[in-house]
Amino acid sequence: MNNKKFIKFRRGNNKGFSYKGNYLAFGNYGLKSISKGNINYKQLESGRKVISKYIKKIGKLWIRIFPDLSYTKKPVDVRMGNGKGDISFYIFKVKPGRVIYEIFGLSNIISIKVLNLASFKLPLKTTIIYN
């Protein structure tokens, strides 16, 4: 967080497709987003827990995104004005085509099952890719 000019970010827009991180770089199977949205650290962590429960020490997992944009909210029953609200959590803006998880070292049936279970934890539409 040191070299950020503004600690509290603006929401901005989330248009277009992801041309960065849209391919498998480390694993054999991956979970790829086909819709846009925001992922916070709780959703990312719950997907990681599901995957790591199944892969144990056999396979390897890569998380290709990191939530680093601050998301602010004002408390309930506060009047307009008085500046921007406090940071409540951090998000990552996902565009269609972005790879979220990659796994390696499992059979194809188990890999598809595990990534399908992890996709239920995310607020996006996803697809499973492989090379």
N, C-alpha and C. Protein backbone atom coordinates (compact mmCIF):
# COMPACT_ATOMS: atom_id res chain seq x y z
N MET A 1 0.81 -1.21 0.00
CA MET A 1 0.00 0.00 0.00
C MET A 1 0.85 1.27 0.00
N ASN A 2 2.15 1.17 -0.04
CA ASN A 2 3.00 2.36 0.10
C ASN A 2 2.88 3.33 -1.06
N ASN A 3 3.02 2.84 -2.29
CA ASN A 3 3.13 3.74 -3.43
C ASN A 3 1.80 4.06 -4.11
N LYS A 4 0.72 4.08 -3.38
CA LYS A 4 -0.58 4.43 -3.96
C LYS A 4 -0.80 5.92 -3.74
N LYS A 5 -1.17 6.61 -4.80
CA LYS A 5 -1.37 8.04 -4.67
C LYS A 5 -2.61 8.35 -3.85
N PHE A 6 -3.69 7.60 -4.12
CA PHE A 6 -4.92 7.78 -3.36
C PHE A 6 -5.23 6.49 -2.63
N ILE A 7 -5.46 6.57 -1.33
CA ILE A 7 -5.76 5.38 -0.56
C ILE A 7 -7.17 4.88 -0.89
N LYS A 8 -8.11 5.82 -1.02
CA LYS A 8 -9.49 5.47 -1.34
C LYS A 8 -9.70 5.63 -2.85
N PHE A 9 -9.99 4.55 -3.52
CA PHE A 9 -10.11 4.57 -4.97
C PHE A 9 -11.52 4.93 -5.40
N ARG A 10 -11.62 5.40 -6.64
CA ARG A 10 -12.92 5.63 -7.24
C ARG A 10 -13.41 4.34 -7.87
N ARG A 11 -14.73 4.22 -8.01
CA ARG A 11 -15.30 2.97 -8.51
C ARG A 11 -14.95 2.72 -9.97
N GLY A 12 -15.07 3.74 -10.82
CA GLY A 12 -14.71 3.59 -12.23
C GLY A 12 -15.66 2.64 -12.95
N ASN A 13 -15.22 2.16 -14.12
CA ASN A 13 -16.04 1.21 -14.86
C ASN A 13 -15.25 -0.06 -15.12
N ASN A 14 -15.95 -1.05 -15.61
CA ASN A 14 -15.33 -2.37 -15.79
C ASN A 14 -15.67 -2.87 -17.20
N LYS A 15 -15.36 -2.06 -18.20
CA LYS A 15 -15.73 -2.40 -19.57
C LYS A 15 -14.67 -3.27 -20.22
N GLY A 16 -15.07 -3.94 -21.29
CA GLY A 16 -14.13 -4.65 -22.14
C GLY A 16 -13.79 -6.04 -21.67
N PHE A 17 -12.79 -6.62 -22.33
CA PHE A 17 -12.34 -7.97 -22.05
C PHE A 17 -10.93 -7.94 -21.47
N SER A 18 -10.56 -9.00 -20.78
CA SER A 18 -9.23 -9.10 -20.19
C SER A 18 -8.26 -9.66 -21.22
N TYR A 19 -7.25 -8.87 -21.56
CA TYR A 19 -6.20 -9.34 -22.46
C TYR A 19 -4.95 -9.71 -21.68
N LYS A 20 -4.98 -9.47 -20.39
CA LYS A 20 -3.87 -9.81 -19.51
C LYS A 20 -4.35 -10.93 -18.59
N GLY A 21 -3.61 -11.99 -18.48
CA GLY A 21 -3.99 -13.09 -17.61
C GLY A 21 -5.15 -13.91 -18.14
N ASN A 22 -5.27 -14.02 -19.46
CA ASN A 22 -6.39 -14.76 -20.03
C ASN A 22 -5.97 -16.13 -20.58
N TYR A 23 -4.85 -16.64 -20.14
CA TYR A 23 -4.35 -17.94 -20.60
C TYR A 23 -3.80 -18.71 -19.40
N LEU A 24 -3.64 -20.02 -19.56
CA LEU A 24 -3.04 -20.84 -18.52
C LEU A 24 -1.52 -20.66 -18.55
N ALA A 25 -0.95 -20.22 -17.46
CA ALA A 25 0.49 -19.99 -17.41
C ALA A 25 1.21 -21.04 -16.56
N PHE A 26 0.54 -21.61 -15.57
CA PHE A 26 1.22 -22.50 -14.63
C PHE A 26 0.64 -23.90 -14.58
N GLY A 27 -0.68 -24.04 -14.58
CA GLY A 27 -1.32 -25.33 -14.37
C GLY A 27 -1.87 -25.94 -15.63
N ASN A 28 -2.51 -27.11 -15.47
CA ASN A 28 -3.15 -27.80 -16.58
C ASN A 28 -4.60 -27.39 -16.74
N TYR A 29 -5.28 -27.13 -15.64
CA TYR A 29 -6.69 -26.74 -15.65
C TYR A 29 -6.85 -25.40 -14.97
N GLY A 30 -7.83 -24.62 -15.43
CA GLY A 30 -8.06 -23.31 -14.85
C GLY A 30 -9.52 -22.95 -14.85
N LEU A 31 -9.86 -21.97 -14.00
CA LEU A 31 -11.21 -21.43 -13.92
C LEU A 31 -11.18 -20.04 -14.51
N LYS A 32 -11.91 -19.85 -15.60
CA LYS A 32 -11.86 -18.61 -16.36
C LYS A 32 -13.21 -17.90 -16.27
N SER A 33 -13.17 -16.60 -16.07
CA SER A 33 -14.39 -15.81 -15.97
C SER A 33 -14.97 -15.55 -17.35
N ILE A 34 -16.29 -15.64 -17.47
CA ILE A 34 -16.95 -15.27 -18.73
C ILE A 34 -17.93 -14.13 -18.53
N SER A 35 -17.93 -13.54 -17.34
CA SER A 35 -18.74 -12.35 -17.07
C SER A 35 -17.91 -11.40 -16.22
N LYS A 36 -18.38 -10.17 -16.11
CA LYS A 36 -17.64 -9.18 -15.33
C LYS A 36 -18.23 -9.02 -13.94
N GLY A 37 -17.42 -8.54 -13.03
CA GLY A 37 -17.89 -8.33 -11.67
C GLY A 37 -16.73 -8.07 -10.72
N ASN A 38 -17.07 -7.96 -9.46
CA ASN A 38 -16.08 -7.72 -8.42
C ASN A 38 -15.96 -8.96 -7.54
N ILE A 39 -14.73 -9.30 -7.19
CA ILE A 39 -14.48 -10.41 -6.26
C ILE A 39 -13.77 -9.84 -5.05
N ASN A 40 -14.29 -10.13 -3.85
CA ASN A 40 -13.59 -9.68 -2.65
C ASN A 40 -12.80 -10.84 -2.05
N TYR A 41 -12.07 -10.55 -1.01
CA TYR A 41 -11.14 -11.54 -0.47
C TYR A 41 -11.86 -12.72 0.15
N LYS A 42 -13.07 -12.53 0.67
CA LYS A 42 -13.81 -13.63 1.30
C LYS A 42 -14.23 -14.66 0.26
N GLN A 43 -14.70 -14.19 -0.88
CA GLN A 43 -15.12 -15.09 -1.95
C GLN A 43 -13.92 -15.86 -2.50
N LEU A 44 -12.80 -15.15 -2.67
CA LEU A 44 -11.58 -15.77 -3.18
C LEU A 44 -11.06 -16.83 -2.22
N GLU A 45 -11.12 -16.52 -0.93
CA GLU A 45 -10.63 -17.44 0.09
C GLU A 45 -11.52 -18.67 0.21
N SER A 46 -12.83 -18.50 0.09
CA SER A 46 -13.72 -19.66 0.19
C SER A 46 -13.52 -20.61 -0.99
N GLY A 47 -13.24 -20.07 -2.16
CA GLY A 47 -12.92 -20.91 -3.31
C GLY A 47 -11.60 -21.64 -3.12
N ARG A 48 -10.63 -20.96 -2.53
CA ARG A 48 -9.32 -21.58 -2.27
C ARG A 48 -9.45 -22.73 -1.27
N LYS A 49 -10.30 -22.57 -0.26
CA LYS A 49 -10.49 -23.61 0.75
C LYS A 49 -11.08 -24.88 0.14
N VAL A 50 -12.06 -24.69 -0.76
CA VAL A 50 -12.68 -25.84 -1.42
C VAL A 50 -11.65 -26.60 -2.25
N ILE A 51 -10.83 -25.85 -3.01
CA ILE A 51 -9.84 -26.48 -3.87
C ILE A 51 -8.77 -27.19 -3.04
N SER A 52 -8.24 -26.51 -2.02
CA SER A 52 -7.16 -27.10 -1.24
C SER A 52 -7.62 -28.30 -0.42
N LYS A 53 -8.93 -28.38 -0.14
CA LYS A 53 -9.47 -29.55 0.55
C LYS A 53 -9.33 -30.80 -0.31
N TYR A 54 -9.48 -30.65 -1.61
CA TYR A 54 -9.43 -31.80 -2.51
C TYR A 54 -8.02 -32.11 -3.02
N ILE A 55 -7.20 -31.08 -3.25
CA ILE A 55 -5.90 -31.37 -3.85
C ILE A 55 -4.87 -31.86 -2.84
N LYS A 56 -5.06 -31.53 -1.56
CA LYS A 56 -4.18 -31.95 -0.48
C LYS A 56 -2.70 -31.70 -0.84
N LYS A 57 -1.86 -32.74 -0.77
CA LYS A 57 -0.44 -32.54 -1.08
C LYS A 57 -0.07 -33.08 -2.45
N ILE A 58 -1.06 -33.56 -3.18
CA ILE A 58 -0.80 -34.14 -4.50
C ILE A 58 -0.61 -33.05 -5.54
N GLY A 59 -1.56 -32.12 -5.60
CA GLY A 59 -1.55 -31.11 -6.64
C GLY A 59 -1.03 -29.77 -6.17
N LYS A 60 -1.09 -28.80 -7.07
CA LYS A 60 -0.63 -27.44 -6.77
C LYS A 60 -1.69 -26.46 -7.24
N LEU A 61 -1.84 -25.37 -6.51
CA LEU A 61 -2.85 -24.35 -6.80
C LEU A 61 -2.20 -22.99 -6.98
N TRP A 62 -2.64 -22.26 -7.99
CA TRP A 62 -2.23 -20.87 -8.19
C TRP A 62 -3.47 -20.00 -8.20
N ILE A 63 -3.42 -18.90 -7.45
CA ILE A 63 -4.48 -17.89 -7.49
C ILE A 63 -3.92 -16.74 -8.31
N ARG A 64 -4.55 -16.44 -9.44
CA ARG A 64 -3.99 -15.50 -10.39
C ARG A 64 -4.44 -14.06 -10.19
N ILE A 65 -5.31 -13.80 -9.20
CA ILE A 65 -5.77 -12.44 -8.96
C ILE A 65 -5.52 -12.08 -7.50
N PHE A 66 -5.47 -10.79 -7.22
CA PHE A 66 -5.25 -10.32 -5.86
C PHE A 66 -6.13 -9.09 -5.63
N PRO A 67 -7.00 -9.11 -4.62
CA PRO A 67 -7.86 -7.95 -4.37
C PRO A 67 -7.09 -6.80 -3.72
N ASP A 68 -6.84 -5.74 -4.48
CA ASP A 68 -6.06 -4.62 -3.95
C ASP A 68 -6.74 -3.27 -4.11
N LEU A 69 -7.95 -3.21 -4.65
CA LEU A 69 -8.69 -1.95 -4.75
C LEU A 69 -9.57 -1.80 -3.52
N SER A 70 -9.44 -0.69 -2.83
CA SER A 70 -10.24 -0.48 -1.63
C SER A 70 -11.67 -0.11 -2.01
N TYR A 71 -12.61 -0.61 -1.23
CA TYR A 71 -14.04 -0.37 -1.46
C TYR A 71 -14.57 0.30 -0.20
N THR A 72 -15.11 1.50 -0.35
CA THR A 72 -15.54 2.28 0.81
C THR A 72 -17.05 2.25 0.96
N LYS A 73 -17.50 2.37 2.19
CA LYS A 73 -18.92 2.48 2.50
C LYS A 73 -19.11 3.43 3.65
N LYS A 74 -20.20 4.19 3.59
CA LYS A 74 -20.55 5.06 4.70
C LYS A 74 -21.43 4.28 5.67
N PRO A 75 -21.37 4.60 6.95
CA PRO A 75 -22.23 3.91 7.91
C PRO A 75 -23.71 4.22 7.66
N VAL A 76 -24.57 3.39 8.23
CA VAL A 76 -26.01 3.59 8.11
C VAL A 76 -26.41 4.84 8.91
N ASP A 77 -27.42 5.56 8.44
CA ASP A 77 -27.96 6.76 9.10
C ASP A 77 -26.95 7.90 9.21
N VAL A 78 -26.14 8.07 8.16
CA VAL A 78 -25.22 9.21 8.12
C VAL A 78 -25.69 10.12 7.00
N ARG A 79 -25.71 11.42 7.27
CA ARG A 79 -26.20 12.38 6.28
C ARG A 79 -25.19 12.58 5.16
N MET A 80 -25.66 13.19 4.08
CA MET A 80 -24.81 13.46 2.93
C MET A 80 -23.70 14.44 3.32
N GLY A 81 -22.60 14.37 2.58
CA GLY A 81 -21.46 15.24 2.88
C GLY A 81 -20.51 14.55 3.82
N ASN A 82 -19.69 15.31 4.48
CA ASN A 82 -18.71 14.83 5.47
C ASN A 82 -17.68 13.87 4.87
N GLY A 83 -17.40 13.99 3.57
CA GLY A 83 -16.33 13.22 2.96
C GLY A 83 -16.72 11.80 2.59
N LYS A 84 -15.71 11.09 2.12
CA LYS A 84 -15.92 9.72 1.68
C LYS A 84 -15.88 8.77 2.87
N GLY A 85 -16.56 7.64 2.75
CA GLY A 85 -16.64 6.69 3.86
C GLY A 85 -15.34 5.95 4.11
N ASP A 86 -15.34 5.16 5.14
CA ASP A 86 -14.17 4.37 5.51
C ASP A 86 -14.06 3.13 4.61
N ILE A 87 -12.85 2.61 4.51
CA ILE A 87 -12.61 1.40 3.71
C ILE A 87 -13.24 0.22 4.43
N SER A 88 -14.12 -0.52 3.72
CA SER A 88 -14.76 -1.67 4.36
C SER A 88 -14.13 -3.00 3.91
N PHE A 89 -13.70 -3.10 2.65
CA PHE A 89 -13.02 -4.30 2.19
C PHE A 89 -12.29 -3.99 0.90
N TYR A 90 -11.57 -4.98 0.37
CA TYR A 90 -10.81 -4.83 -0.86
C TYR A 90 -11.38 -5.75 -1.93
N ILE A 91 -11.36 -5.27 -3.19
CA ILE A 91 -11.93 -6.03 -4.30
C ILE A 91 -10.94 -6.15 -5.45
N PHE A 92 -11.26 -7.05 -6.38
CA PHE A 92 -10.56 -7.14 -7.66
C PHE A 92 -11.61 -7.07 -8.75
N LYS A 93 -11.44 -6.17 -9.70
CA LYS A 93 -12.39 -6.04 -10.81
C LYS A 93 -12.05 -7.07 -11.88
N VAL A 94 -12.95 -8.03 -12.06
CA VAL A 94 -12.73 -9.12 -13.01
C VAL A 94 -13.44 -8.79 -14.31
N LYS A 95 -12.71 -8.93 -15.41
CA LYS A 95 -13.29 -8.78 -16.74
C LYS A 95 -13.46 -10.15 -17.37
N PRO A 96 -14.33 -10.28 -18.37
CA PRO A 96 -14.48 -11.58 -19.03
C PRO A 96 -13.16 -12.03 -19.66
N GLY A 97 -12.81 -13.29 -19.45
CA GLY A 97 -11.59 -13.85 -20.01
C GLY A 97 -10.46 -13.99 -19.02
N ARG A 98 -10.62 -13.50 -17.81
CA ARG A 98 -9.56 -13.56 -16.81
C ARG A 98 -9.52 -14.92 -16.12
N VAL A 99 -8.32 -15.50 -15.99
CA VAL A 99 -8.16 -16.77 -15.28
C VAL A 99 -8.03 -16.46 -13.80
N ILE A 100 -8.83 -17.13 -12.97
CA ILE A 100 -8.86 -16.87 -11.53
C ILE A 100 -8.02 -17.89 -10.77
N TYR A 101 -8.28 -19.17 -11.00
CA TYR A 101 -7.52 -20.26 -10.35
C TYR A 101 -6.89 -21.14 -11.41
N GLU A 102 -5.74 -21.72 -11.06
CA GLU A 102 -5.11 -22.75 -11.88
C GLU A 102 -4.67 -23.89 -10.97
N ILE A 103 -4.86 -25.13 -11.44
CA ILE A 103 -4.41 -26.28 -10.66
C ILE A 103 -3.60 -27.21 -11.54
N PHE A 104 -2.74 -28.00 -10.88
CA PHE A 104 -1.82 -28.89 -11.58
C PHE A 104 -1.64 -30.16 -10.74
N GLY A 105 -1.53 -31.30 -11.40
CA GLY A 105 -1.16 -32.53 -10.71
C GLY A 105 -2.31 -33.43 -10.33
N LEU A 106 -3.53 -33.14 -10.81
CA LEU A 106 -4.67 -34.00 -10.52
C LEU A 106 -5.19 -34.63 -11.80
N SER A 107 -5.97 -35.69 -11.67
CA SER A 107 -6.58 -36.28 -12.86
C SER A 107 -7.65 -35.33 -13.40
N ASN A 108 -8.00 -35.53 -14.67
CA ASN A 108 -8.93 -34.58 -15.28
C ASN A 108 -10.32 -34.62 -14.67
N ILE A 109 -10.80 -35.76 -14.22
CA ILE A 109 -12.13 -35.85 -13.62
C ILE A 109 -12.16 -35.07 -12.30
N ILE A 110 -11.15 -35.28 -11.46
CA ILE A 110 -11.09 -34.59 -10.17
C ILE A 110 -10.88 -33.09 -10.38
N SER A 111 -10.05 -32.70 -11.35
CA SER A 111 -9.79 -31.29 -11.62
C SER A 111 -11.06 -30.56 -12.01
N ILE A 112 -11.85 -31.16 -12.89
CA ILE A 112 -13.10 -30.53 -13.31
C ILE A 112 -14.08 -30.44 -12.15
N LYS A 113 -14.15 -31.48 -11.34
CA LYS A 113 -15.05 -31.48 -10.19
C LYS A 113 -14.68 -30.39 -9.19
N VAL A 114 -13.38 -30.27 -8.90
CA VAL A 114 -12.90 -29.30 -7.92
C VAL A 114 -13.14 -27.88 -8.40
N LEU A 115 -12.82 -27.60 -9.65
CA LEU A 115 -13.02 -26.24 -10.17
C LEU A 115 -14.50 -25.90 -10.28
N ASN A 116 -15.32 -26.88 -10.52
CA ASN A 116 -16.76 -26.64 -10.56
C ASN A 116 -17.28 -26.27 -9.17
N LEU A 117 -16.78 -26.94 -8.13
CA LEU A 117 -17.16 -26.60 -6.76
C LEU A 117 -16.68 -25.20 -6.38
N ALA A 118 -15.49 -24.82 -6.83
CA ALA A 118 -14.96 -23.49 -6.52
C ALA A 118 -15.75 -22.40 -7.25
N SER A 119 -16.30 -22.73 -8.42
CA SER A 119 -17.05 -21.73 -9.18
C SER A 119 -18.35 -21.35 -8.48
N PHE A 120 -18.89 -22.26 -7.66
CA PHE A 120 -20.12 -21.94 -6.92
C PHE A 120 -19.88 -20.85 -5.87
N LYS A 121 -18.65 -20.69 -5.45
CA LYS A 121 -18.33 -19.70 -4.41
C LYS A 121 -18.13 -18.29 -4.97
N LEU A 122 -18.05 -18.17 -6.29
CA LEU A 122 -17.77 -16.88 -6.91
C LEU A 122 -19.03 -16.24 -7.46
N PRO A 123 -19.11 -14.90 -7.47
CA PRO A 123 -20.32 -14.22 -7.94
C PRO A 123 -20.32 -13.99 -9.46
N LEU A 124 -19.57 -14.79 -10.22
CA LEU A 124 -19.43 -14.61 -11.65
C LEU A 124 -19.82 -15.89 -12.38
N LYS A 125 -20.04 -15.77 -13.67
CA LYS A 125 -20.17 -16.95 -14.51
C LYS A 125 -18.77 -17.34 -14.95
N THR A 126 -18.46 -18.62 -14.81
CA THR A 126 -17.11 -19.09 -15.13
C THR A 126 -17.17 -20.32 -16.02
N THR A 127 -16.04 -20.64 -16.62
CA THR A 127 -15.89 -21.85 -17.40
C THR A 127 -14.55 -22.49 -17.05
N ILE A 128 -14.46 -23.80 -17.29
CA ILE A 128 -13.22 -24.53 -17.00
C ILE A 128 -12.43 -24.68 -18.28
N ILE A 129 -11.15 -24.32 -18.23
CA ILE A 129 -10.28 -24.43 -19.41
C ILE A 129 -9.13 -25.38 -19.11
N TYR A 130 -8.55 -25.94 -20.15
CA TYR A 130 -7.41 -26.84 -19.99
C TYR A 130 -6.54 -26.75 -21.23
N ASN A 131 -5.28 -27.20 -21.10
CA ASN A 131 -4.39 -27.20 -22.28
C ASN A 131 -3.90 -28.60 -22.60
